[in-house]
Amino acid sequence: MAADGRAEALAVAEAITAAFARKDVKAFADLYAYDATVWHNNDGLTQGREENLAFVASIVGLFEDIHYADIKRLYTDEGIIQQHVVKGVLADGRKMEVPACLIMRIVNGKIAHIDEYADPAPFHALLHN
């Protein structure tokens, strides 16, 4: 990836990381291409842009604090791979940690597609206990 492509990919990765920590779904929307898709390894399904934004809103809305930690990034020809740990704290103080990886394809400064790898078991255990 050329240097300008790397800068663009890094800017998008940093922006999505910051938007997640702020629980700012509008900022997520601004980063997605109009036809963006997100695939999840846990169910093998691909969500469209609006469906994924609703999903993100429902997740971040559950937590007092939620953010990506221990971030590692690797550039690809089409974008960037970001490995991180999703850390969250519910209003009652219970905590969650979910290792995750986002493979982001970036086109014209927007996220065109994400392959998201995460094990939702810690999240489900937290909510159902």
C-alpha atoms as a PDB file:
ATOM      1  CA  MET A   1       0.000   0.000   0.000  1.00  0.00           C
ATOM      2  CA  ALA A   2       1.305   3.447  -0.917  1.00  0.00           C
ATOM      3  CA  ALA A   3       2.090   5.940   1.846  1.00  0.00           C
ATOM      4  CA  ASP A   4      -1.018   8.017   1.101  1.00  0.00           C
ATOM      5  CA  GLY A   5      -3.161   4.871   1.268  1.00  0.00           C
ATOM      6  CA  ARG A   6      -1.596   3.977   4.601  1.00  0.00           C
ATOM      7  CA  ALA A   7      -2.326   7.428   5.981  1.00  0.00           C
ATOM      8  CA  GLU A   8      -5.930   7.148   4.802  1.00  0.00           C
ATOM      9  CA  ALA A   9      -6.342   3.665   6.304  1.00  0.00           C
ATOM     10  CA  LEU A  10      -4.793   4.750   9.600  1.00  0.00           C
ATOM     11  CA  ALA A  11      -7.047   7.816   9.760  1.00  0.00           C
ATOM     12  CA  VAL A  12     -10.128   5.627   9.265  1.00  0.00           C
ATOM     13  CA  ALA A  13      -8.965   3.077  11.875  1.00  0.00           C
ATOM     14  CA  GLU A  14      -8.242   5.824  14.400  1.00  0.00           C
ATOM     15  CA  ALA A  15     -11.587   7.486  13.695  1.00  0.00           C
ATOM     16  CA  ILE A  16     -13.601   4.283  14.159  1.00  0.00           C
ATOM     17  CA  THR A  17     -11.689   3.553  17.381  1.00  0.00           C
ATOM     18  CA  ALA A  18     -12.463   7.038  18.722  1.00  0.00           C
ATOM     19  CA  ALA A  19     -16.115   6.858  17.613  1.00  0.00           C
ATOM     20  CA  PHE A  20     -16.540   3.529  19.423  1.00  0.00           C
ATOM     21  CA  ALA A  21     -15.098   4.957  22.649  1.00  0.00           C
ATOM     22  CA  ARG A  22     -17.441   7.962  22.403  1.00  0.00           C
ATOM     23  CA  LYS A  23     -20.366   5.647  21.563  1.00  0.00           C
ATOM     24  CA  ASP A  24     -20.900   7.939  18.562  1.00  0.00           C
ATOM     25  CA  VAL A  25     -22.939   5.977  16.033  1.00  0.00           C
ATOM     26  CA  LYS A  26     -23.264   9.020  13.751  1.00  0.00           C
ATOM     27  CA  ALA A  27     -19.475   9.108  13.447  1.00  0.00           C
ATOM     28  CA  PHE A  28     -19.571   5.404  12.536  1.00  0.00           C
ATOM     29  CA  ALA A  29     -22.137   6.219   9.849  1.00  0.00           C
ATOM     30  CA  ASP A  30     -19.894   8.957   8.470  1.00  0.00           C
ATOM     31  CA  LEU A  31     -17.041   6.447   8.141  1.00  0.00           C
ATOM     32  CA  TYR A  32     -19.102   3.849   6.258  1.00  0.00           C
ATOM     33  CA  ALA A  33     -19.618   3.917   2.501  1.00  0.00           C
ATOM     34  CA  TYR A  34     -23.305   4.109   1.567  1.00  0.00           C
ATOM     35  CA  ASP A  35     -23.218   0.430   0.563  1.00  0.00           C
ATOM     36  CA  ALA A  36     -20.870  -0.807   3.315  1.00  0.00           C
ATOM     37  CA  THR A  37     -21.229  -4.354   4.585  1.00  0.00           C
ATOM     38  CA  VAL A  38     -20.015  -6.097   7.732  1.00  0.00           C
ATOM     39  CA  TRP A  39     -19.540  -9.862   8.001  1.00  0.00           C
ATOM     40  CA  HIS A  40     -19.396 -11.576  11.426  1.00  0.00           C
ATOM     41  CA  ASN A  41     -17.534 -14.835  11.985  1.00  0.00           C
ATOM     42  CA  ASN A  42     -19.785 -15.961  14.837  1.00  0.00           C
ATOM     43  CA  ASP A  43     -22.882 -16.327  12.648  1.00  0.00           C
ATOM     44  CA  GLY A  44     -21.477 -16.107   9.117  1.00  0.00           C
ATOM     45  CA  LEU A  45     -23.974 -13.375   8.243  1.00  0.00           C
ATOM     46  CA  THR A  46     -23.316 -10.129   6.426  1.00  0.00           C
ATOM     47  CA  GLN A  47     -25.066  -6.997   7.628  1.00  0.00           C
ATOM     48  CA  GLY A  48     -25.804  -3.988   5.475  1.00  0.00           C
ATOM     49  CA  ARG A  49     -24.813  -0.506   6.566  1.00  0.00           C
ATOM     50  CA  GLU A  50     -28.007   0.435   8.435  1.00  0.00           C
ATOM     51  CA  GLU A  51     -28.372  -2.964  10.088  1.00  0.00           C
ATOM     52  CA  ASN A  52     -24.797  -2.804  11.358  1.00  0.00           C
ATOM     53  CA  LEU A  53     -25.191   0.759  12.629  1.00  0.00           C
ATOM     54  CA  ALA A  54     -28.275  -0.338  14.590  1.00  0.00           C
ATOM     55  CA  PHE A  55     -26.277  -3.282  15.959  1.00  0.00           C
ATOM     56  CA  VAL A  56     -23.412  -0.993  17.033  1.00  0.00           C
ATOM     57  CA  ALA A  57     -25.897   1.387  18.701  1.00  0.00           C
ATOM     58  CA  SER A  58     -27.492  -1.476  20.635  1.00  0.00           C
ATOM     59  CA  ILE A  59     -24.110  -2.722  21.872  1.00  0.00           C
ATOM     60  CA  VAL A  60     -22.556   0.587  22.924  1.00  0.00           C
ATOM     61  CA  GLY A  61     -25.814   1.654  24.560  1.00  0.00           C
ATOM     62  CA  LEU A  62     -25.507  -1.157  27.101  1.00  0.00           C
ATOM     63  CA  PHE A  63     -22.221   0.066  28.550  1.00  0.00           C
ATOM     64  CA  GLU A  64     -21.161   2.959  30.761  1.00  0.00           C
ATOM     65  CA  ASP A  65     -17.712   2.665  29.220  1.00  0.00           C
ATOM     66  CA  ILE A  66     -16.652   0.710  26.152  1.00  0.00           C
ATOM     67  CA  HIS A  67     -13.499   1.000  24.096  1.00  0.00           C
ATOM     68  CA  TYR A  68     -10.842  -0.822  22.100  1.00  0.00           C
ATOM     69  CA  ALA A  69      -7.585  -1.574  23.956  1.00  0.00           C
ATOM     70  CA  ASP A  70      -4.296  -3.284  23.113  1.00  0.00           C
ATOM     71  CA  ILE A  71      -4.622  -2.186  19.490  1.00  0.00           C
ATOM     72  CA  LYS A  72      -2.379  -3.668  16.800  1.00  0.00           C
ATOM     73  CA  ARG A  73      -2.649  -2.632  13.149  1.00  0.00           C
ATOM     74  CA  LEU A  74      -1.349  -4.054   9.887  1.00  0.00           C
ATOM     75  CA  TYR A  75      -1.787  -2.446   6.475  1.00  0.00           C
ATOM     76  CA  THR A  76      -3.068  -4.422   3.497  1.00  0.00           C
ATOM     77  CA  ASP A  77      -3.384  -3.575  -0.185  1.00  0.00           C
ATOM     78  CA  GLU A  78      -7.074  -2.806   0.392  1.00  0.00           C
ATOM     79  CA  GLY A  79      -7.082  -1.214   3.834  1.00  0.00           C
ATOM     80  CA  ILE A  80      -6.072  -2.165   7.339  1.00  0.00           C
ATOM     81  CA  ILE A  81      -6.382  -4.999   9.842  1.00  0.00           C
ATOM     82  CA  GLN A  82      -6.988  -3.961  13.430  1.00  0.00           C
ATOM     83  CA  GLN A  83      -6.663  -6.445  16.281  1.00  0.00           C
ATOM     84  CA  HIS A  84      -7.866  -5.234  19.666  1.00  0.00           C
ATOM     85  CA  VAL A  85      -9.658  -6.150  22.869  1.00  0.00           C
ATOM     86  CA  VAL A  86     -13.135  -4.705  23.347  1.00  0.00           C
ATOM     87  CA  LYS A  87     -13.319  -3.659  26.992  1.00  0.00           C
ATOM     88  CA  GLY A  88     -16.609  -2.642  28.512  1.00  0.00           C
ATOM     89  CA  VAL A  89     -18.083  -1.769  31.901  1.00  0.00           C
ATOM     90  CA  LEU A  90     -21.806  -2.014  32.629  1.00  0.00           C
ATOM     91  CA  ALA A  91     -23.588   0.450  34.929  1.00  0.00           C
ATOM     92  CA  ASP A  92     -23.403  -2.094  37.777  1.00  0.00           C
ATOM     93  CA  GLY A  93     -19.608  -2.325  37.433  1.00  0.00           C
ATOM     94  CA  ARG A  94     -19.407  -5.715  35.740  1.00  0.00           C
ATOM     95  CA  LYS A  95     -16.649  -5.860  33.137  1.00  0.00           C
ATOM     96  CA  MET A  96     -16.234  -7.562  29.802  1.00  0.00           C
ATOM     97  CA  GLU A  97     -13.243  -8.235  27.562  1.00  0.00           C
ATOM     98  CA  VAL A  98     -13.603  -9.647  24.055  1.00  0.00           C
ATOM     99  CA  PRO A  99     -10.607 -10.114  21.749  1.00  0.00           C
ATOM    100  CA  ALA A 100     -11.557  -9.042  18.233  1.00  0.00           C
ATOM    101  CA  CYS A 101     -10.143  -8.390  14.800  1.00  0.00           C
ATOM    102  CA  LEU A 102     -11.483  -6.078  12.086  1.00  0.00           C
ATOM    103  CA  ILE A 103     -10.298  -6.527   8.526  1.00  0.00           C
ATOM    104  CA  MET A 104     -11.350  -3.257   6.906  1.00  0.00           C
ATOM    105  CA  ARG A 105     -11.494  -2.613   3.166  1.00  0.00           C
ATOM    106  CA  ILE A 106     -11.286   1.124   2.613  1.00  0.00           C
ATOM    107  CA  VAL A 107     -12.325   2.834  -0.624  1.00  0.00           C
ATOM    108  CA  ASN A 108     -12.073   6.600  -1.106  1.00  0.00           C
ATOM    109  CA  GLY A 109     -11.615   7.178   2.622  1.00  0.00           C
ATOM    110  CA  LYS A 110     -14.717   5.173   3.607  1.00  0.00           C
ATOM    111  CA  ILE A 111     -15.160   1.678   5.003  1.00  0.00           C
ATOM    112  CA  ALA A 112     -16.543  -0.456   2.183  1.00  0.00           C
ATOM    113  CA  HIS A 113     -16.462  -3.776   4.040  1.00  0.00           C
ATOM    114  CA  ILE A 114     -15.429  -5.231   7.392  1.00  0.00           C
ATOM    115  CA  ASP A 115     -14.773  -8.868   8.212  1.00  0.00           C
ATOM    116  CA  GLU A 116     -15.202  -8.938  11.995  1.00  0.00           C
ATOM    117  CA  TYR A 117     -13.789 -11.799  14.024  1.00  0.00           C
ATOM    118  CA  ALA A 118     -14.809 -12.012  17.679  1.00  0.00           C
ATOM    119  CA  ASP A 119     -16.013 -14.572  20.180  1.00  0.00           C
ATOM    120  CA  PRO A 120     -19.270 -13.214  21.618  1.00  0.00           C
ATOM    121  CA  ALA A 121     -19.307 -15.727  24.517  1.00  0.00           C
ATOM    122  CA  PRO A 122     -17.926 -13.289  27.156  1.00  0.00           C
ATOM    123  CA  PHE A 123     -20.473 -10.682  26.064  1.00  0.00           C
ATOM    124  CA  HIS A 124     -23.378 -13.144  26.251  1.00  0.00           C
ATOM    125  CA  ALA A 125     -22.183 -14.483  29.623  1.00  0.00           C
ATOM    126  CA  LEU A 126     -22.072 -10.956  31.025  1.00  0.00           C
ATOM    127  CA  LEU A 127     -25.585 -10.106  29.885  1.00  0.00           C
ATOM    128  CA  HIS A 128     -27.183 -13.391  30.936  1.00  0.00           C
ATOM    129  CA  ASN A 129     -25.723 -13.658  34.457  1.00  0.00           C
END
